[in-house]
Amino acid sequence: MKGIVEAISKINGFLAVKTEFGEYSIVEVLSGISIEVGDKISGNLESLGGEDLLHESGEVFGGFIQDYHCDQQRAVFLLKQK
């Protein structure tokens, strides 16, 4: 599955990734990769837990899927959590 980073939390570092189906997956980045709004990410964005994800640069990074199939309101809520 592919998605685009729509928002990054300054509070907890989580990403809101809008998937190709128009829903959001909330991803905690576990490795030191620089990610910005607008970056493209692919991988298993629809399964809770640890996943290896692929950044558009070709770099593989560890991510932890906190939630998926979120609407925009839920994604914003989760990005504001500590």
N, C-alpha and C. Protein backbone atom coordinates (compact mmCIF):
# COMPACT_ATOMS: atom_id res chain seq x y z
N MET A 1 0.84 -1.18 0.00
CA MET A 1 0.00 0.00 0.00
C MET A 1 0.88 1.24 0.00
N LYS A 2 0.41 2.27 -0.67
CA LYS A 2 1.14 3.53 -0.75
C LYS A 2 0.38 4.62 -0.03
N GLY A 3 1.13 5.61 0.46
CA GLY A 3 0.50 6.74 1.11
C GLY A 3 1.41 7.96 1.08
N ILE A 4 0.83 9.10 1.40
CA ILE A 4 1.55 10.36 1.45
C ILE A 4 1.45 10.92 2.86
N VAL A 5 2.59 11.37 3.40
CA VAL A 5 2.60 11.97 4.73
C VAL A 5 1.85 13.30 4.66
N GLU A 6 0.75 13.37 5.39
CA GLU A 6 -0.09 14.58 5.40
C GLU A 6 0.22 15.48 6.59
N ALA A 7 0.70 14.88 7.70
CA ALA A 7 0.99 15.67 8.90
C ALA A 7 1.99 14.92 9.76
N ILE A 8 2.77 15.69 10.53
CA ILE A 8 3.73 15.13 11.47
C ILE A 8 3.50 15.82 12.81
N SER A 9 3.34 15.03 13.86
CA SER A 9 3.09 15.58 15.19
C SER A 9 4.38 16.12 15.80
N LYS A 10 4.33 17.35 16.30
CA LYS A 10 5.46 17.91 17.04
C LYS A 10 5.47 17.41 18.48
N ILE A 11 4.35 16.83 18.91
CA ILE A 11 4.22 16.35 20.29
C ILE A 11 4.81 14.96 20.44
N ASN A 12 4.41 14.02 19.57
CA ASN A 12 4.83 12.63 19.74
C ASN A 12 5.59 12.07 18.53
N GLY A 13 5.76 12.87 17.49
CA GLY A 13 6.52 12.42 16.33
C GLY A 13 5.78 11.48 15.40
N PHE A 14 4.50 11.23 15.66
CA PHE A 14 3.72 10.34 14.81
C PHE A 14 3.47 10.99 13.44
N LEU A 15 3.30 10.13 12.44
CA LEU A 15 2.95 10.58 11.10
C LEU A 15 1.51 10.23 10.81
N ALA A 16 0.81 11.11 10.13
CA ALA A 16 -0.50 10.78 9.56
C ALA A 16 -0.27 10.56 8.08
N VAL A 17 -0.43 9.31 7.65
CA VAL A 17 -0.18 8.94 6.26
C VAL A 17 -1.52 8.69 5.58
N LYS A 18 -1.83 9.50 4.58
CA LYS A 18 -3.08 9.32 3.84
C LYS A 18 -2.85 8.25 2.78
N THR A 19 -3.63 7.17 2.88
CA THR A 19 -3.43 6.05 1.97
C THR A 19 -4.12 6.28 0.63
N GLU A 20 -3.83 5.40 -0.29
CA GLU A 20 -4.42 5.50 -1.63
C GLU A 20 -5.94 5.34 -1.60
N PHE A 21 -6.50 4.88 -0.46
CA PHE A 21 -7.94 4.72 -0.32
C PHE A 21 -8.59 5.91 0.38
N GLY A 22 -7.78 6.95 0.70
CA GLY A 22 -8.31 8.16 1.31
C GLY A 22 -8.45 8.11 2.81
N GLU A 23 -7.97 7.03 3.43
CA GLU A 23 -8.00 6.91 4.89
C GLU A 23 -6.60 7.17 5.42
N TYR A 24 -6.50 7.28 6.75
CA TYR A 24 -5.22 7.59 7.37
C TYR A 24 -4.70 6.43 8.20
N SER A 25 -3.39 6.23 8.12
CA SER A 25 -2.68 5.34 9.02
C SER A 25 -1.78 6.21 9.88
N ILE A 26 -1.70 5.88 11.17
CA ILE A 26 -0.86 6.62 12.10
C ILE A 26 0.39 5.80 12.36
N VAL A 27 1.55 6.39 12.03
CA VAL A 27 2.81 5.66 12.07
C VAL A 27 3.78 6.34 13.04
N GLU A 28 4.33 5.54 13.95
CA GLU A 28 5.43 5.99 14.81
C GLU A 28 6.72 5.56 14.13
N VAL A 29 7.61 6.51 13.87
CA VAL A 29 8.88 6.19 13.22
C VAL A 29 9.85 5.68 14.28
N LEU A 30 10.41 4.49 14.04
CA LEU A 30 11.30 3.85 15.01
C LEU A 30 12.77 4.02 14.68
N SER A 31 13.10 4.49 13.51
CA SER A 31 14.51 4.65 13.14
C SER A 31 14.77 6.08 12.71
N GLY A 32 16.03 6.45 12.68
CA GLY A 32 16.41 7.82 12.40
C GLY A 32 16.38 8.18 10.93
N ILE A 33 15.22 8.43 10.42
CA ILE A 33 15.07 8.84 9.02
C ILE A 33 14.38 10.21 9.02
N SER A 34 14.79 11.04 8.11
CA SER A 34 14.17 12.35 7.99
C SER A 34 12.95 12.25 7.07
N ILE A 35 11.79 12.56 7.62
CA ILE A 35 10.55 12.49 6.86
C ILE A 35 9.85 13.84 6.94
N GLU A 36 9.31 14.27 5.82
CA GLU A 36 8.62 15.55 5.76
C GLU A 36 7.23 15.38 5.16
N VAL A 37 6.38 16.35 5.44
CA VAL A 37 5.04 16.36 4.85
C VAL A 37 5.18 16.34 3.33
N GLY A 38 4.39 15.48 2.70
CA GLY A 38 4.44 15.33 1.25
C GLY A 38 5.25 14.13 0.78
N ASP A 39 6.06 13.56 1.68
CA ASP A 39 6.85 12.37 1.32
C ASP A 39 5.93 11.19 1.08
N LYS A 40 6.35 10.31 0.18
CA LYS A 40 5.59 9.10 -0.12
C LYS A 40 6.20 7.91 0.61
N ILE A 41 5.31 7.09 1.17
CA ILE A 41 5.71 5.91 1.94
C ILE A 41 4.92 4.73 1.42
N SER A 42 5.55 3.57 1.38
CA SER A 42 4.82 2.36 1.00
C SER A 42 5.17 1.23 1.95
N GLY A 43 4.28 0.26 2.01
CA GLY A 43 4.45 -0.89 2.89
C GLY A 43 3.10 -1.28 3.46
N ASN A 44 3.13 -2.15 4.45
CA ASN A 44 1.89 -2.61 5.07
C ASN A 44 1.40 -1.55 6.06
N LEU A 45 0.55 -0.67 5.59
CA LEU A 45 0.02 0.42 6.42
C LEU A 45 -1.31 0.06 7.06
N GLU A 46 -1.74 -1.19 6.91
CA GLU A 46 -3.04 -1.62 7.43
C GLU A 46 -2.91 -2.79 8.41
N SER A 47 -1.88 -2.75 9.23
CA SER A 47 -1.68 -3.80 10.22
C SER A 47 -1.03 -3.19 11.44
N LEU A 48 -1.63 -3.36 12.60
CA LEU A 48 -1.06 -2.80 13.82
C LEU A 48 0.27 -3.46 14.14
N GLY A 49 1.20 -2.67 14.66
CA GLY A 49 2.48 -3.21 15.10
C GLY A 49 3.63 -2.79 14.21
N GLY A 50 4.77 -3.43 14.45
CA GLY A 50 6.00 -3.09 13.76
C GLY A 50 6.01 -3.53 12.31
N GLU A 51 6.49 -2.65 11.45
CA GLU A 51 6.57 -2.93 10.02
C GLU A 51 7.82 -2.26 9.44
N ASP A 52 8.41 -2.89 8.44
CA ASP A 52 9.43 -2.24 7.64
C ASP A 52 8.71 -1.48 6.53
N LEU A 53 8.98 -0.19 6.44
CA LEU A 53 8.31 0.66 5.45
C LEU A 53 9.36 1.23 4.50
N LEU A 54 8.93 1.58 3.32
CA LEU A 54 9.83 2.10 2.29
C LEU A 54 9.54 3.57 2.03
N HIS A 55 10.55 4.40 2.21
CA HIS A 55 10.45 5.83 1.90
C HIS A 55 10.71 6.02 0.41
N GLU A 56 10.17 7.08 -0.17
CA GLU A 56 10.33 7.32 -1.61
C GLU A 56 11.79 7.45 -2.02
N SER A 57 12.68 7.74 -1.08
CA SER A 57 14.12 7.84 -1.37
C SER A 57 14.75 6.48 -1.59
N GLY A 58 14.00 5.41 -1.27
CA GLY A 58 14.52 4.05 -1.37
C GLY A 58 15.00 3.50 -0.05
N GLU A 59 14.98 4.34 1.00
CA GLU A 59 15.43 3.91 2.32
C GLU A 59 14.32 3.15 3.04
N VAL A 60 14.69 1.99 3.58
CA VAL A 60 13.76 1.21 4.39
C VAL A 60 13.91 1.67 5.83
N PHE A 61 12.79 1.84 6.53
CA PHE A 61 12.85 2.27 7.92
C PHE A 61 11.82 1.51 8.75
N GLY A 62 12.09 1.43 10.03
CA GLY A 62 11.17 0.77 10.94
C GLY A 62 10.07 1.72 11.38
N GLY A 63 8.85 1.23 11.31
CA GLY A 63 7.71 2.01 11.77
C GLY A 63 6.79 1.14 12.60
N PHE A 64 6.02 1.77 13.47
CA PHE A 64 5.04 1.05 14.28
C PHE A 64 3.68 1.65 13.96
N ILE A 65 2.82 0.84 13.39
CA ILE A 65 1.49 1.32 13.01
C ILE A 65 0.63 1.37 14.28
N GLN A 66 0.26 2.59 14.67
CA GLN A 66 -0.52 2.80 15.89
C GLN A 66 -2.02 2.62 15.63
N ASP A 67 -2.47 2.99 14.43
CA ASP A 67 -3.88 2.87 14.07
C ASP A 67 -3.98 2.97 12.55
N TYR A 68 -5.08 2.50 11.99
CA TYR A 68 -5.28 2.57 10.55
C TYR A 68 -6.77 2.64 10.24
N HIS A 69 -7.10 2.92 8.99
CA HIS A 69 -8.48 3.16 8.55
C HIS A 69 -9.11 4.32 9.32
N CYS A 70 -8.30 5.33 9.66
CA CYS A 70 -8.79 6.49 10.41
C CYS A 70 -9.35 7.54 9.44
N ASP A 71 -10.36 8.25 9.92
CA ASP A 71 -10.78 9.43 9.18
C ASP A 71 -9.89 10.59 9.62
N GLN A 72 -10.04 11.74 8.98
CA GLN A 72 -9.18 12.87 9.28
C GLN A 72 -9.30 13.33 10.73
N GLN A 73 -10.51 13.32 11.27
CA GLN A 73 -10.73 13.76 12.64
C GLN A 73 -9.97 12.87 13.63
N ARG A 74 -10.04 11.57 13.45
CA ARG A 74 -9.32 10.63 14.34
C ARG A 74 -7.81 10.80 14.18
N ALA A 75 -7.34 11.00 12.97
CA ALA A 75 -5.91 11.18 12.74
C ALA A 75 -5.40 12.42 13.48
N VAL A 76 -6.12 13.51 13.39
CA VAL A 76 -5.73 14.75 14.08
C VAL A 76 -5.71 14.51 15.59
N PHE A 77 -6.72 13.82 16.11
CA PHE A 77 -6.78 13.51 17.54
C PHE A 77 -5.55 12.73 17.98
N LEU A 78 -5.18 11.70 17.24
CA LEU A 78 -4.05 10.85 17.61
C LEU A 78 -2.72 11.60 17.53
N LEU A 79 -2.59 12.51 16.61
CA LEU A 79 -1.36 13.28 16.50
C LEU A 79 -1.19 14.28 17.64
N LYS A 80 -2.27 14.58 18.34
CA LYS A 80 -2.20 15.52 19.46
C LYS A 80 -1.96 14.84 20.80
N GLN A 81 -1.91 13.50 20.82
CA GLN A 81 -1.71 12.75 22.06
C GLN A 81 -0.23 12.75 22.45
N LYS A 82 0.01 12.69 23.77
CA LYS A 82 1.39 12.63 24.27
C LYS A 82 1.85 11.21 24.40
